Amino acid sequence: MVTINKQRRHLGQKKPFKLEDIWRIRTRLEIEGNQMELALLDLAIDCKLRSCDLLRMRVCDISSLGIIHPRILFTQSKTQRDVQFEITAKTQHALSQWLFVSQLSPQDFIFPSPRKTGAPMSYSYYAHIVKKWATPLGLDAAQYGTHSMRRTKATLIYPRTKNIKAVQLLLGHVKLDNPIRYLGVEIEDALKISEDTDI
């Protein structure tokens, strides 16, 4: 059950974006020429990392000699466990464009703070951007946040594959029950079975 207080702050699990939402956000950012936010959108979806890990990534974590790597091994700060993720061709292009215009050095954060030199983008600023993406789509921005980005690709993969183990590996979850709760798998599957059972 979701609880909403007087400020309409959404206290439950943040919703993932749907595929059509992502395409609409991406198209708008391309039209605006907003290369930083486009790179942020694409990398956040591909890497499926928690915001604390995404924001502390440096240029040298994803590239060398100006080339974006298609696969990355990254140590999660919460669990200290390595997780692998892919960087798709579309995301590689968006990142290359962003790194070119921003002229970031290998040791720079990929998404630097617009206010503090040498610091990464803050969590609150990232959260503000995600909500800004949701609002023009007619979505309730209170239901979307940084964790929406982590959940988006996982919630698109599971219905297609039904492979919960793959989702577990991609999210870097230690226990299998974590992605099960995370995706709402049990209740969704139970409802589908019930719907398909005609008596």
C-alpha atoms as a PDB file:
ATOM      1  CA  MET A   1       0.000   0.000   0.000  1.00  0.00           C
ATOM      2  CA  VAL A   2       1.246   3.473  -0.908  1.00  0.00           C
ATOM      3  CA  THR A   3       1.099   6.281   1.626  1.00  0.00           C
ATOM      4  CA  ILE A   4       1.026   9.888   0.452  1.00  0.00           C
ATOM      5  CA  ASN A   5       1.507  12.765   2.877  1.00  0.00           C
ATOM      6  CA  LYS A   6       0.346  16.377   2.579  1.00  0.00           C
ATOM      7  CA  GLN A   7       3.160  17.260   0.165  1.00  0.00           C
ATOM      8  CA  ARG A   8       2.083  14.346  -2.068  1.00  0.00           C
ATOM      9  CA  ARG A   9       5.403  12.686  -1.485  1.00  0.00           C
ATOM     10  CA  HIS A  10       5.307   9.125  -2.767  1.00  0.00           C
ATOM     11  CA  LEU A  11       6.604   6.860  -0.009  1.00  0.00           C
ATOM     12  CA  GLY A  12       6.242   3.513  -1.773  1.00  0.00           C
ATOM     13  CA  GLN A  13       8.446   1.872  -4.362  1.00  0.00           C
ATOM     14  CA  LYS A  14       9.219   4.172  -7.289  1.00  0.00           C
ATOM     15  CA  LYS A  15       7.690   3.175 -10.611  1.00  0.00           C
ATOM     16  CA  PRO A  16       9.875   2.144 -13.536  1.00  0.00           C
ATOM     17  CA  PHE A  17       9.453   3.956 -16.829  1.00  0.00           C
ATOM     18  CA  LYS A  18       7.745   2.100 -19.668  1.00  0.00           C
ATOM     19  CA  LEU A  19       9.460   1.620 -23.021  1.00  0.00           C
ATOM     20  CA  GLU A  20       7.308   4.268 -24.718  1.00  0.00           C
ATOM     21  CA  ASP A  21       8.120   6.708 -21.903  1.00  0.00           C
ATOM     22  CA  ILE A  22      11.845   6.233 -22.491  1.00  0.00           C
ATOM     23  CA  TRP A  23      11.487   6.810 -26.218  1.00  0.00           C
ATOM     24  CA  ARG A  24       9.522  10.012 -25.626  1.00  0.00           C
ATOM     25  CA  ILE A  25      12.071  11.304 -23.101  1.00  0.00           C
ATOM     26  CA  ARG A  26      14.955  10.409 -25.401  1.00  0.00           C
ATOM     27  CA  THR A  27      13.333  12.097 -28.410  1.00  0.00           C
ATOM     28  CA  ARG A  28      12.707  15.297 -26.443  1.00  0.00           C
ATOM     29  CA  LEU A  29      16.301  15.415 -25.177  1.00  0.00           C
ATOM     30  CA  GLU A  30      17.623  14.856 -28.713  1.00  0.00           C
ATOM     31  CA  ILE A  31      15.465  17.691 -30.059  1.00  0.00           C
ATOM     32  CA  GLU A  32      16.661  19.965 -27.245  1.00  0.00           C
ATOM     33  CA  GLY A  33      20.283  18.947 -27.880  1.00  0.00           C
ATOM     34  CA  ASN A  34      20.651  18.124 -24.179  1.00  0.00           C
ATOM     35  CA  GLN A  35      23.622  15.785 -24.463  1.00  0.00           C
ATOM     36  CA  MET A  36      24.318  15.517 -20.737  1.00  0.00           C
ATOM     37  CA  GLU A  37      20.802  14.400 -19.828  1.00  0.00           C
ATOM     38  CA  LEU A  38      20.642  12.076 -22.836  1.00  0.00           C
ATOM     39  CA  ALA A  39      23.874  10.386 -21.731  1.00  0.00           C
ATOM     40  CA  LEU A  40      22.564  10.233 -18.148  1.00  0.00           C
ATOM     41  CA  LEU A  41      19.264   8.668 -19.258  1.00  0.00           C
ATOM     42  CA  ASP A  42      20.906   6.032 -21.434  1.00  0.00           C
ATOM     43  CA  LEU A  43      23.683   5.092 -19.005  1.00  0.00           C
ATOM     44  CA  ALA A  44      21.304   4.934 -16.023  1.00  0.00           C
ATOM     45  CA  ILE A  45      19.081   2.488 -17.926  1.00  0.00           C
ATOM     46  CA  ASP A  46      21.955   0.336 -19.195  1.00  0.00           C
ATOM     47  CA  CYS A  47      23.985   0.119 -15.994  1.00  0.00           C
ATOM     48  CA  LYS A  48      21.041  -0.520 -13.628  1.00  0.00           C
ATOM     49  CA  LEU A  49      23.195   0.767 -10.756  1.00  0.00           C
ATOM     50  CA  ARG A  50      22.008   2.492  -7.616  1.00  0.00           C
ATOM     51  CA  SER A  51      22.264   6.273  -7.891  1.00  0.00           C
ATOM     52  CA  CYS A  52      25.191   6.403  -5.432  1.00  0.00           C
ATOM     53  CA  ASP A  53      27.220   4.200  -7.807  1.00  0.00           C
ATOM     54  CA  LEU A  54      26.060   5.797 -11.051  1.00  0.00           C
ATOM     55  CA  LEU A  55      26.971   9.289  -9.860  1.00  0.00           C
ATOM     56  CA  ARG A  56      30.444   8.322  -8.614  1.00  0.00           C
ATOM     57  CA  MET A  57      31.451   6.770 -11.945  1.00  0.00           C
ATOM     58  CA  ARG A  58      34.398   8.449 -13.615  1.00  0.00           C
ATOM     59  CA  VAL A  59      35.252   8.706 -17.297  1.00  0.00           C
ATOM     60  CA  CYS A  60      38.065   6.156 -16.847  1.00  0.00           C
ATOM     61  CA  ASP A  61      35.529   3.616 -15.497  1.00  0.00           C
ATOM     62  CA  ILE A  62      33.788   3.385 -18.859  1.00  0.00           C
ATOM     63  CA  SER A  63      36.391   4.334 -21.448  1.00  0.00           C
ATOM     64  CA  SER A  64      40.027   4.374 -22.442  1.00  0.00           C
ATOM     65  CA  LEU A  65      41.759   6.315 -25.213  1.00  0.00           C
ATOM     66  CA  GLY A  66      38.432   7.944 -26.056  1.00  0.00           C
ATOM     67  CA  ILE A  67      36.651   4.643 -26.705  1.00  0.00           C
ATOM     68  CA  ILE A  68      33.587   3.645 -24.655  1.00  0.00           C
ATOM     69  CA  HIS A  69      33.765   0.008 -23.539  1.00  0.00           C
ATOM     70  CA  PRO A  70      30.756  -2.206 -24.397  1.00  0.00           C
ATOM     71  CA  ARG A  71      30.973  -4.060 -21.055  1.00  0.00           C
ATOM     72  CA  ILE A  72      31.928  -2.748 -17.646  1.00  0.00           C
ATOM     73  CA  LEU A  73      32.832  -4.432 -14.352  1.00  0.00           C
ATOM     74  CA  PHE A  74      31.987  -2.169 -11.427  1.00  0.00           C
ATOM     75  CA  THR A  75      32.181  -2.618  -7.644  1.00  0.00           C
ATOM     76  CA  GLN A  76      28.955  -1.653  -5.881  1.00  0.00           C
ATOM     77  CA  SER A  77      29.420   0.548  -2.833  1.00  0.00           C
ATOM     78  CA  LYS A  78      26.533  -1.011  -0.869  1.00  0.00           C
ATOM     79  CA  THR A  79      27.579  -4.664  -1.192  1.00  0.00           C
ATOM     80  CA  GLN A  80      31.238  -4.353  -2.267  1.00  0.00           C
ATOM     81  CA  ARG A  81      30.385  -6.961  -4.904  1.00  0.00           C
ATOM     82  CA  ASP A  82      31.309  -6.639  -8.565  1.00  0.00           C
ATOM     83  CA  VAL A  83      28.512  -6.333 -11.080  1.00  0.00           C
ATOM     84  CA  GLN A  84      28.826  -6.405 -14.858  1.00  0.00           C
ATOM     85  CA  PHE A  85      26.740  -4.323 -17.208  1.00  0.00           C
ATOM     86  CA  GLU A  86      26.546  -3.591 -20.896  1.00  0.00           C
ATOM     87  CA  ILE A  87      26.761  -0.235 -22.616  1.00  0.00           C
ATOM     88  CA  THR A  88      24.666  -0.497 -25.768  1.00  0.00           C
ATOM     89  CA  ALA A  89      25.665   1.138 -29.052  1.00  0.00           C
ATOM     90  CA  LYS A  90      23.054   3.870 -28.537  1.00  0.00           C
ATOM     91  CA  THR A  91      24.427   4.662 -25.074  1.00  0.00           C
ATOM     92  CA  GLN A  92      28.026   4.540 -26.319  1.00  0.00           C
ATOM     93  CA  HIS A  93      27.116   7.169 -28.912  1.00  0.00           C
ATOM     94  CA  ALA A  94      25.343   9.387 -26.357  1.00  0.00           C
ATOM     95  CA  LEU A  95      28.295   9.127 -23.955  1.00  0.00           C
ATOM     96  CA  SER A  96      30.830   9.843 -26.708  1.00  0.00           C
ATOM     97  CA  GLN A  97      28.911  12.978 -27.679  1.00  0.00           C
ATOM     98  CA  TRP A  98      28.698  14.123 -24.050  1.00  0.00           C
ATOM     99  CA  LEU A  99      32.378  13.480 -23.322  1.00  0.00           C
ATOM    100  CA  PHE A 100      33.356  15.331 -26.504  1.00  0.00           C
ATOM    101  CA  VAL A 101      31.366  18.496 -25.753  1.00  0.00           C
ATOM    102  CA  SER A 102      32.143  18.496 -22.021  1.00  0.00           C
ATOM    103  CA  GLN A 103      35.889  17.900 -22.533  1.00  0.00           C
ATOM    104  CA  LEU A 104      36.080  15.798 -19.364  1.00  0.00           C
ATOM    105  CA  SER A 105      39.395  14.189 -18.395  1.00  0.00           C
ATOM    106  CA  PRO A 106      39.696  10.453 -17.542  1.00  0.00           C
ATOM    107  CA  GLN A 107      39.612  11.157 -13.777  1.00  0.00           C
ATOM    108  CA  ASP A 108      36.570  13.438 -13.961  1.00  0.00           C
ATOM    109  CA  PHE A 109      33.137  12.261 -12.889  1.00  0.00           C
ATOM    110  CA  ILE A 110      30.998  11.446 -15.929  1.00  0.00           C
ATOM    111  CA  PHE A 111      28.247  13.649 -14.546  1.00  0.00           C
ATOM    112  CA  PRO A 112      29.941  16.446 -12.593  1.00  0.00           C
ATOM    113  CA  SER A 113      28.174  18.795 -10.229  1.00  0.00           C
ATOM    114  CA  PRO A 114      27.040  22.002 -11.951  1.00  0.00           C
ATOM    115  CA  ARG A 115      27.870  23.887  -8.733  1.00  0.00           C
ATOM    116  CA  LYS A 116      30.893  22.280  -7.054  1.00  0.00           C
ATOM    117  CA  THR A 117      34.115  21.872  -9.006  1.00  0.00           C
ATOM    118  CA  GLY A 118      35.536  18.350  -8.766  1.00  0.00           C
ATOM    119  CA  ALA A 119      32.376  16.888  -7.220  1.00  0.00           C
ATOM    120  CA  PRO A 120      29.866  14.516  -8.818  1.00  0.00           C
ATOM    121  CA  MET A 121      26.287  15.470  -9.546  1.00  0.00           C
ATOM    122  CA  SER A 122      24.297  15.343  -6.307  1.00  0.00           C
ATOM    123  CA  TYR A 123      21.558  12.810  -5.614  1.00  0.00           C
ATOM    124  CA  SER A 124      18.983  15.599  -5.221  1.00  0.00           C
ATOM    125  CA  TYR A 125      19.902  17.130  -8.576  1.00  0.00           C
ATOM    126  CA  TYR A 126      19.669  13.719 -10.270  1.00  0.00           C
ATOM    127  CA  ALA A 127      16.268  13.118  -8.619  1.00  0.00           C
ATOM    128  CA  HIS A 128      15.117  16.538  -9.853  1.00  0.00           C
ATOM    129  CA  ILE A 129      16.118  15.613 -13.428  1.00  0.00           C
ATOM    130  CA  VAL A 130      14.213  12.299 -13.319  1.00  0.00           C
ATOM    131  CA  LYS A 131      11.069  14.047 -12.073  1.00  0.00           C
ATOM    132  CA  LYS A 132      11.529  16.660 -14.801  1.00  0.00           C
ATOM    133  CA  TRP A 133      11.511  13.829 -17.355  1.00  0.00           C
ATOM    134  CA  ALA A 134       8.275  12.377 -15.955  1.00  0.00           C
ATOM    135  CA  THR A 135       6.201  15.569 -15.784  1.00  0.00           C
ATOM    136  CA  PRO A 136       5.888  16.395 -19.546  1.00  0.00           C
ATOM    137  CA  LEU A 137       4.684  12.825 -20.148  1.00  0.00           C
ATOM    138  CA  GLY A 138       1.653  13.465 -17.958  1.00  0.00           C
ATOM    139  CA  LEU A 139       3.022  11.148 -15.271  1.00  0.00           C
ATOM    140  CA  ASP A 140       2.806  11.827 -11.538  1.00  0.00           C
ATOM    141  CA  ALA A 141       6.378  12.959 -10.863  1.00  0.00           C
ATOM    142  CA  ALA A 142       6.011  11.974  -7.195  1.00  0.00           C
ATOM    143  CA  GLN A 143       5.902   8.319  -8.267  1.00  0.00           C
ATOM    144  CA  TYR A 144       9.226   8.511 -10.122  1.00  0.00           C
ATOM    145  CA  GLY A 145      12.746   8.965  -8.829  1.00  0.00           C
ATOM    146  CA  THR A 146      16.320   7.802  -9.234  1.00  0.00           C
ATOM    147  CA  HIS A 147      15.355   4.203  -8.428  1.00  0.00           C
ATOM    148  CA  SER A 148      12.948   4.294 -11.378  1.00  0.00           C
ATOM    149  CA  MET A 149      16.025   4.281 -13.603  1.00  0.00           C
ATOM    150  CA  ARG A 150      17.501   1.225 -11.855  1.00  0.00           C
ATOM    151  CA  ARG A 151      14.228  -0.677 -12.180  1.00  0.00           C
ATOM    152  CA  THR A 152      13.343   0.263 -15.779  1.00  0.00           C
ATOM    153  CA  LYS A 153      15.413  -2.201 -17.813  1.00  0.00           C
ATOM    154  CA  ALA A 154      14.950  -5.018 -15.288  1.00  0.00           C
ATOM    155  CA  THR A 155      11.166  -4.695 -15.495  1.00  0.00           C
ATOM    156  CA  LEU A 156      11.366  -4.807 -19.294  1.00  0.00           C
ATOM    157  CA  ILE A 157      13.642  -7.869 -19.324  1.00  0.00           C
ATOM    158  CA  TYR A 158      11.665 -10.081 -16.936  1.00  0.00           C
ATOM    159  CA  PRO A 159       8.301 -10.203 -18.797  1.00  0.00           C
ATOM    160  CA  ARG A 160      10.141 -11.164 -22.003  1.00  0.00           C
ATOM    161  CA  THR A 161      12.400 -13.825 -20.522  1.00  0.00           C
ATOM    162  CA  LYS A 162      10.840 -14.912 -17.190  1.00  0.00           C
ATOM    163  CA  ASN A 163      14.477 -15.386 -16.143  1.00  0.00           C
ATOM    164  CA  ILE A 164      14.628 -14.100 -12.582  1.00  0.00           C
ATOM    165  CA  LYS A 165      18.219 -15.341 -12.172  1.00  0.00           C
ATOM    166  CA  ALA A 166      19.346 -13.131 -15.064  1.00  0.00           C
ATOM    167  CA  VAL A 167      17.646 -10.120 -13.486  1.00  0.00           C
ATOM    168  CA  GLN A 168      19.316 -10.950 -10.158  1.00  0.00           C
ATOM    169  CA  LEU A 169      22.754 -10.957 -11.807  1.00  0.00           C
ATOM    170  CA  LEU A 170      22.108  -7.749 -13.741  1.00  0.00           C
ATOM    171  CA  LEU A 171      20.980  -5.887 -10.623  1.00  0.00           C
ATOM    172  CA  GLY A 172      23.796  -7.304  -8.504  1.00  0.00           C
ATOM    173  CA  HIS A 173      21.394  -8.668  -5.903  1.00  0.00           C
ATOM    174  CA  VAL A 174      22.881 -11.213  -3.498  1.00  0.00           C
ATOM    175  CA  LYS A 175      19.684 -13.133  -2.700  1.00  0.00           C
ATOM    176  CA  LEU A 176      17.132 -14.384  -5.208  1.00  0.00           C
ATOM    177  CA  ASP A 177      14.234 -13.075  -3.120  1.00  0.00           C
ATOM    178  CA  ASN A 178      15.508  -9.500  -3.611  1.00  0.00           C
ATOM    179  CA  PRO A 179      14.670  -9.263  -7.341  1.00  0.00           C
ATOM    180  CA  ILE A 180      11.457 -11.209  -6.712  1.00  0.00           C
ATOM    181  CA  ARG A 181      10.271  -8.530  -4.279  1.00  0.00           C
ATOM    182  CA  TYR A 182      11.840  -5.808  -6.399  1.00  0.00           C
ATOM    183  CA  LEU A 183       9.882  -6.701  -9.522  1.00  0.00           C
ATOM    184  CA  GLY A 184       6.675  -7.775  -7.796  1.00  0.00           C
ATOM    185  CA  VAL A 185       7.134 -11.076  -9.611  1.00  0.00           C
ATOM    186  CA  GLU A 186       5.169 -13.380  -7.341  1.00  0.00           C
ATOM    187  CA  ILE A 187       1.984 -11.319  -7.274  1.00  0.00           C
ATOM    188  CA  GLU A 188       2.129 -10.591 -11.025  1.00  0.00           C
ATOM    189  CA  ASP A 189       2.650 -14.250 -11.909  1.00  0.00           C
ATOM    190  CA  ALA A 190      -0.060 -15.349  -9.468  1.00  0.00           C
ATOM    191  CA  LEU A 191      -2.540 -12.892 -10.973  1.00  0.00           C
ATOM    192  CA  LYS A 192      -1.661 -14.023 -14.510  1.00  0.00           C
ATOM    193  CA  ILE A 193      -2.175 -17.683 -13.568  1.00  0.00           C
ATOM    194  CA  SER A 194      -5.512 -16.785 -11.994  1.00  0.00           C
ATOM    195  CA  GLU A 195      -6.586 -14.793 -15.059  1.00  0.00           C
ATOM    196  CA  ASP A 196      -5.664 -17.674 -17.366  1.00  0.00           C
ATOM    197  CA  THR A 197      -7.575 -20.228 -15.278  1.00  0.00           C
ATOM    198  CA  ASP A 198     -11.111 -20.395 -16.620  1.00  0.00           C
ATOM    199  CA  ILE A 199     -13.537 -22.329 -14.427  1.00  0.00           C
END
